[in-house]
Amino acid sequence: MDQIRDAYLKPYVTTVPEVTVTDRSDGDECLILASDGLWDVVSNEAACEVAQACLRRGRQRWCAEAAALLTKLALARRSSDNISVVIVDLRRRNVL
């Protein structure tokens, strides 16, 4: 299917992804993947500060904690869109 078939939304919703490529450095700690429900109300800097604060606590589930906190922050700032947040720990080498 090359496009979601909805007469009301057509042609605004497509299955064509937005893809970007970013070079990583050895110092990169995490990747924050989120919908515009987060990014419309939370700056890149604020999101990174939340993620780094959770990382410094040293807990095993820091990614999940940071994602939950960012979601709550977006809700507190009255985001008017759906909010999805996933954080990937780039420091982990042996995940499986």
C-alpha atoms as a PDB file:
ATOM      1  CA  MET A   1       0.000   0.000   0.000  1.00  0.00           C
ATOM      2  CA  ASP A   2       1.648   3.259  -1.025  1.00  0.00           C
ATOM      3  CA  GLN A   3      -0.729   5.460   0.937  1.00  0.00           C
ATOM      4  CA  ILE A   4      -3.247   5.074   3.709  1.00  0.00           C
ATOM      5  CA  ARG A   5      -6.633   5.211   2.022  1.00  0.00           C
ATOM      6  CA  ASP A   6      -8.675   7.820   3.814  1.00  0.00           C
ATOM      7  CA  ALA A   7     -10.535  10.385   1.745  1.00  0.00           C
ATOM      8  CA  TYR A   8     -10.474  12.896   4.610  1.00  0.00           C
ATOM      9  CA  LEU A   9      -6.698  12.712   5.149  1.00  0.00           C
ATOM     10  CA  LYS A  10      -5.607  12.057   1.590  1.00  0.00           C
ATOM     11  CA  PRO A  11      -2.913  13.052   0.522  1.00  0.00           C
ATOM     12  CA  TYR A  12      -1.559  14.145   3.922  1.00  0.00           C
ATOM     13  CA  VAL A  13      -0.850  10.688   5.350  1.00  0.00           C
ATOM     14  CA  THR A  14       1.583   8.495   3.444  1.00  0.00           C
ATOM     15  CA  THR A  15       3.679   5.425   4.132  1.00  0.00           C
ATOM     16  CA  VAL A  16       6.811   7.147   2.861  1.00  0.00           C
ATOM     17  CA  PRO A  17       9.179   7.416   5.857  1.00  0.00           C
ATOM     18  CA  GLU A  18      11.284  10.442   6.683  1.00  0.00           C
ATOM     19  CA  VAL A  19      14.846   9.125   6.932  1.00  0.00           C
ATOM     20  CA  THR A  20      17.981  10.942   8.043  1.00  0.00           C
ATOM     21  CA  VAL A  21      21.529   9.687   8.506  1.00  0.00           C
ATOM     22  CA  THR A  22      23.652  11.074  11.324  1.00  0.00           C
ATOM     23  CA  ASP A  23      27.276  10.221  12.033  1.00  0.00           C
ATOM     24  CA  ARG A  24      27.922   8.909  15.539  1.00  0.00           C
ATOM     25  CA  SER A  25      30.873   9.649  17.767  1.00  0.00           C
ATOM     26  CA  ASP A  26      32.346   7.452  20.489  1.00  0.00           C
ATOM     27  CA  GLY A  27      30.956   9.825  23.111  1.00  0.00           C
ATOM     28  CA  ASP A  28      27.312   9.398  22.071  1.00  0.00           C
ATOM     29  CA  GLU A  29      25.348   7.981  25.005  1.00  0.00           C
ATOM     30  CA  CYS A  30      21.803   7.609  23.762  1.00  0.00           C
ATOM     31  CA  LEU A  31      19.396   8.100  20.900  1.00  0.00           C
ATOM     32  CA  ILE A  32      16.028   9.726  21.570  1.00  0.00           C
ATOM     33  CA  LEU A  33      13.348   8.740  19.058  1.00  0.00           C
ATOM     34  CA  ALA A  34      10.118  10.639  19.562  1.00  0.00           C
ATOM     35  CA  SER A  35       7.034  11.907  17.801  1.00  0.00           C
ATOM     36  CA  ASP A  36       6.238  15.560  17.245  1.00  0.00           C
ATOM     37  CA  GLY A  37       4.019  15.363  20.327  1.00  0.00           C
ATOM     38  CA  LEU A  38       7.267  15.610  22.294  1.00  0.00           C
ATOM     39  CA  TRP A  39       9.372  17.775  19.988  1.00  0.00           C
ATOM     40  CA  ASP A  40       6.665  20.431  19.567  1.00  0.00           C
ATOM     41  CA  VAL A  41       6.884  21.301  23.283  1.00  0.00           C
ATOM     42  CA  VAL A  42      10.311  20.052  24.492  1.00  0.00           C
ATOM     43  CA  SER A  43      13.610  21.352  23.106  1.00  0.00           C
ATOM     44  CA  ASN A  44      16.467  19.067  22.104  1.00  0.00           C
ATOM     45  CA  GLU A  45      18.501  20.450  24.989  1.00  0.00           C
ATOM     46  CA  ALA A  46      15.780  19.779  27.575  1.00  0.00           C
ATOM     47  CA  ALA A  47      15.256  16.232  26.301  1.00  0.00           C
ATOM     48  CA  CYS A  48      18.994  15.552  26.509  1.00  0.00           C
ATOM     49  CA  GLU A  49      19.154  16.968  30.042  1.00  0.00           C
ATOM     50  CA  VAL A  50      16.376  14.613  31.178  1.00  0.00           C
ATOM     51  CA  ALA A  51      18.058  11.611  29.531  1.00  0.00           C
ATOM     52  CA  GLN A  52      21.463  12.466  31.002  1.00  0.00           C
ATOM     53  CA  ALA A  53      20.000  12.971  34.485  1.00  0.00           C
ATOM     54  CA  CYS A  54      18.438   9.498  34.325  1.00  0.00           C
ATOM     55  CA  LEU A  55      21.678   8.008  32.986  1.00  0.00           C
ATOM     56  CA  ARG A  56      23.686   9.509  35.876  1.00  0.00           C
ATOM     57  CA  ARG A  57      21.418   7.799  38.430  1.00  0.00           C
ATOM     58  CA  GLY A  58      22.988   4.541  37.297  1.00  0.00           C
ATOM     59  CA  ARG A  59      19.801   2.503  37.283  1.00  0.00           C
ATOM     60  CA  GLN A  60      19.450  -0.417  34.913  1.00  0.00           C
ATOM     61  CA  ARG A  61      16.163   0.830  33.409  1.00  0.00           C
ATOM     62  CA  TRP A  62      17.253   4.432  32.912  1.00  0.00           C
ATOM     63  CA  CYS A  63      16.045   4.511  29.288  1.00  0.00           C
ATOM     64  CA  ALA A  64      12.498   3.593  30.307  1.00  0.00           C
ATOM     65  CA  GLU A  65      12.576   6.123  33.162  1.00  0.00           C
ATOM     66  CA  ALA A  66      13.776   8.898  30.861  1.00  0.00           C
ATOM     67  CA  ALA A  67      11.141   8.072  28.226  1.00  0.00           C
ATOM     68  CA  ALA A  68       8.403   8.167  30.879  1.00  0.00           C
ATOM     69  CA  LEU A  69       9.668  11.478  32.274  1.00  0.00           C
ATOM     70  CA  LEU A  70       9.825  13.049  28.812  1.00  0.00           C
ATOM     71  CA  THR A  71       6.272  11.895  28.115  1.00  0.00           C
ATOM     72  CA  LYS A  72       5.104  13.437  31.405  1.00  0.00           C
ATOM     73  CA  LEU A  73       6.968  16.657  30.583  1.00  0.00           C
ATOM     74  CA  ALA A  74       5.252  16.913  27.195  1.00  0.00           C
ATOM     75  CA  LEU A  75       1.864  16.315  28.839  1.00  0.00           C
ATOM     76  CA  ALA A  76       2.624  18.948  31.494  1.00  0.00           C
ATOM     77  CA  ARG A  77       3.434  21.391  28.710  1.00  0.00           C
ATOM     78  CA  ARG A  78       0.044  20.601  27.187  1.00  0.00           C
ATOM     79  CA  SER A  79       1.171  18.835  24.030  1.00  0.00           C
ATOM     80  CA  SER A  80      -1.817  18.657  21.701  1.00  0.00           C
ATOM     81  CA  ASP A  81      -0.541  15.648  19.733  1.00  0.00           C
ATOM     82  CA  ASN A  82       0.078  12.002  20.488  1.00  0.00           C
ATOM     83  CA  ILE A  83       3.364  11.396  22.299  1.00  0.00           C
ATOM     84  CA  SER A  84       5.725   8.504  21.628  1.00  0.00           C
ATOM     85  CA  VAL A  85       9.211   8.340  23.135  1.00  0.00           C
ATOM     86  CA  VAL A  86      11.841   5.599  22.843  1.00  0.00           C
ATOM     87  CA  ILE A  87      15.377   5.938  24.166  1.00  0.00           C
ATOM     88  CA  VAL A  88      18.178   3.664  22.990  1.00  0.00           C
ATOM     89  CA  ASP A  89      21.300   3.187  25.122  1.00  0.00           C
ATOM     90  CA  LEU A  90      24.181   3.527  22.643  1.00  0.00           C
ATOM     91  CA  ARG A  91      26.783   2.572  25.247  1.00  0.00           C
ATOM     92  CA  ARG A  92      25.640  -1.054  25.482  1.00  0.00           C
ATOM     93  CA  ARG A  93      27.613  -3.424  23.292  1.00  0.00           C
ATOM     94  CA  ASN A  94      26.157  -6.874  24.057  1.00  0.00           C
ATOM     95  CA  VAL A  95      22.393  -6.452  24.137  1.00  0.00           C
ATOM     96  CA  LEU A  96      21.416 -10.063  23.403  1.00  0.00           C
END
